[in-house]
């Protein structure tokens, strides 16, 4: 896994196609009892207006119990919650999953250390998806 850069984004390569990666991530979320709030098809929407971009999907997901606790402690974190995973194909056809590093979000929003686990599941979810 690529470590978080100074912008707080972790990029993880997927050995699967974009669609397979999306489906694997959806399965992992379901198995963990997490809510998939939305799936945004950025490239599909671009195509609708006559523009082309590599296949790109954004999955927005989480657990309202954990997210609400984080938002009560650090209200500004609501701009970054629910959690998100961006699945995109690069110009060479390689698929990547990108997400906000939980530690970065914690620092950005001054989230109490004790609540960092509430937003840290994203790392394990992505790792399970790319196995």
Protein backbone atom coordinates (compact mmCIF):
# COMPACT_ATOMS: atom_id res chain seq x y z
CA UNK A 1 0.00 0.00 0.00
CA UNK A 2 1.27 3.46 -0.82
CA UNK A 3 1.59 5.63 2.29
CA UNK A 4 -0.49 8.77 2.61
CA UNK A 5 1.06 11.74 0.88
CA UNK A 6 1.06 15.23 2.35
CA UNK A 7 -2.42 15.72 0.89
CA UNK A 8 -3.76 12.91 3.08
CA UNK A 9 -4.76 10.62 0.23
CA UNK A 10 -3.73 6.96 0.17
CA UNK A 11 -3.57 5.32 -3.27
CA UNK A 12 -3.73 1.52 -3.35
CA UNK A 13 -3.38 -0.53 -6.56
CA UNK A 14 -6.06 -3.09 -7.32
CA UNK A 15 -5.27 -6.34 -9.16
CA UNK A 16 -8.82 -6.35 -10.54
CA UNK A 17 -10.70 -4.48 -13.25
CA UNK A 18 -12.59 -1.37 -12.22
CA UNK A 19 -15.96 -3.14 -12.22
CA UNK A 20 -14.56 -6.12 -10.29
CA UNK A 21 -13.02 -3.75 -7.75
CA UNK A 22 -16.31 -1.91 -7.31
CA UNK A 23 -18.16 -5.19 -6.78
CA UNK A 24 -15.54 -6.50 -4.35
CA UNK A 25 -15.73 -3.29 -2.34
CA UNK A 26 -19.52 -3.47 -2.27
CA UNK A 27 -19.30 -7.05 -1.00
CA UNK A 28 -16.83 -6.11 1.72
CA UNK A 29 -19.08 -3.26 2.85
CA UNK A 30 -22.11 -5.55 2.96
CA UNK A 31 -20.22 -8.26 4.86
CA UNK A 32 -19.15 -5.69 7.46
CA UNK A 33 -22.68 -4.35 7.85
CA UNK A 34 -21.77 -0.91 6.53
CA UNK A 35 -24.15 1.32 4.63
CA UNK A 36 -23.40 2.20 1.00
CA UNK A 37 -24.97 5.65 0.80
CA UNK A 38 -24.12 6.36 -2.85
CA UNK A 39 -22.15 5.21 -5.86
CA UNK A 40 -21.21 8.09 -8.15
CA UNK A 41 -20.23 7.17 -11.71
CA UNK A 42 -18.06 10.17 -12.60
CA UNK A 43 -17.02 8.85 -16.01
CA UNK A 44 -20.60 7.84 -16.84
CA UNK A 45 -21.85 11.32 -16.00
CA UNK A 46 -19.06 12.88 -18.07
CA UNK A 47 -20.07 10.72 -21.01
CA UNK A 48 -23.68 11.98 -20.75
CA UNK A 49 -22.45 15.49 -21.51
CA UNK A 50 -20.13 14.44 -24.34
CA UNK A 51 -16.90 14.28 -22.35
CA UNK A 52 -14.53 11.34 -21.93
CA UNK A 53 -12.58 10.35 -18.88
CA UNK A 54 -11.13 7.07 -17.69
CA UNK A 55 -13.55 4.83 -15.76
CA UNK A 56 -14.01 6.44 -12.34
CA UNK A 57 -16.43 5.57 -9.50
CA UNK A 58 -16.82 7.07 -6.04
CA UNK A 59 -18.38 4.97 -3.28
CA UNK A 60 -19.69 6.80 -0.22
CA UNK A 61 -20.19 4.56 2.79
CA UNK A 62 -20.07 4.28 6.53
CA UNK A 63 -21.64 3.45 9.82
CA UNK A 64 -23.96 6.16 11.15
CA UNK A 65 -23.20 5.18 14.75
CA UNK A 66 -19.44 5.69 14.41
CA UNK A 67 -19.72 8.67 12.10
CA UNK A 68 -22.19 10.48 14.32
CA UNK A 69 -19.90 10.09 17.36
CA UNK A 70 -17.04 11.59 15.34
CA UNK A 71 -19.23 14.48 14.13
CA UNK A 72 -20.45 15.24 17.64
CA UNK A 73 -16.86 15.45 18.89
CA UNK A 74 -15.53 17.34 15.85
CA UNK A 75 -18.45 18.84 13.87
CA UNK A 76 -16.28 19.96 10.93
CA UNK A 77 -15.47 16.35 10.08
CA UNK A 78 -18.97 16.14 8.61
CA UNK A 79 -17.55 17.66 5.43
CA UNK A 80 -15.40 14.53 5.01
CA UNK A 81 -17.93 11.95 6.21
CA UNK A 82 -19.31 9.53 5.24
CA UNK A 83 -16.13 7.75 4.25
CA UNK A 84 -15.28 7.60 0.56
CA UNK A 85 -13.33 5.34 -1.75
CA UNK A 86 -12.45 6.50 -5.26
CA UNK A 87 -11.89 3.69 -7.73
CA UNK A 88 -10.28 4.90 -10.94
CA UNK A 89 -8.45 3.52 -13.93
CA UNK A 90 -5.30 5.39 -14.93
CA UNK A 91 -4.16 6.07 -18.51
CA UNK A 92 -2.26 2.77 -18.54
CA UNK A 93 -5.33 0.75 -17.55
CA UNK A 94 -4.20 0.18 -13.92
CA UNK A 95 -6.97 0.41 -11.32
CA UNK A 96 -6.46 2.30 -8.06
CA UNK A 97 -8.48 2.78 -4.90
CA UNK A 98 -7.88 6.11 -3.18
CA UNK A 99 -9.16 7.26 0.20
CA UNK A 100 -8.53 9.87 2.85
CA UNK A 101 -6.02 8.69 5.44
CA UNK A 102 -7.87 8.49 8.76
CA UNK A 103 -4.92 10.07 10.60
CA UNK A 104 -5.00 13.01 8.19
CA UNK A 105 -8.73 13.51 8.78
CA UNK A 106 -8.18 13.23 12.52
CA UNK A 107 -5.54 15.97 12.46
CA UNK A 108 -7.49 18.11 10.02
CA UNK A 109 -10.57 18.14 12.23
CA UNK A 110 -8.94 17.78 15.67
CA UNK A 111 -10.77 14.50 16.23
CA UNK A 112 -10.09 13.10 19.69
CA UNK A 113 -7.61 10.21 19.44
CA UNK A 114 -10.12 7.87 21.09
CA UNK A 115 -12.49 8.35 18.12
CA UNK A 116 -9.92 7.72 15.38
CA UNK A 117 -10.97 4.04 15.18
CA UNK A 118 -14.45 5.24 14.13
CA UNK A 119 -13.03 6.38 10.79
CA UNK A 120 -10.09 3.99 10.46
CA UNK A 121 -11.99 1.00 9.05
CA UNK A 122 -11.50 2.38 5.54
CA UNK A 123 -7.91 1.10 5.48
CA UNK A 124 -8.89 -2.50 6.31
CA UNK A 125 -11.83 -2.32 3.90
CA UNK A 126 -9.56 -1.31 1.01
CA UNK A 127 -6.95 -3.95 1.94
CA UNK A 128 -9.64 -6.64 1.97
CA UNK A 129 -10.99 -5.41 -1.37
CA UNK A 130 -7.66 -5.75 -3.18
CA UNK A 131 -6.82 -9.22 -1.80
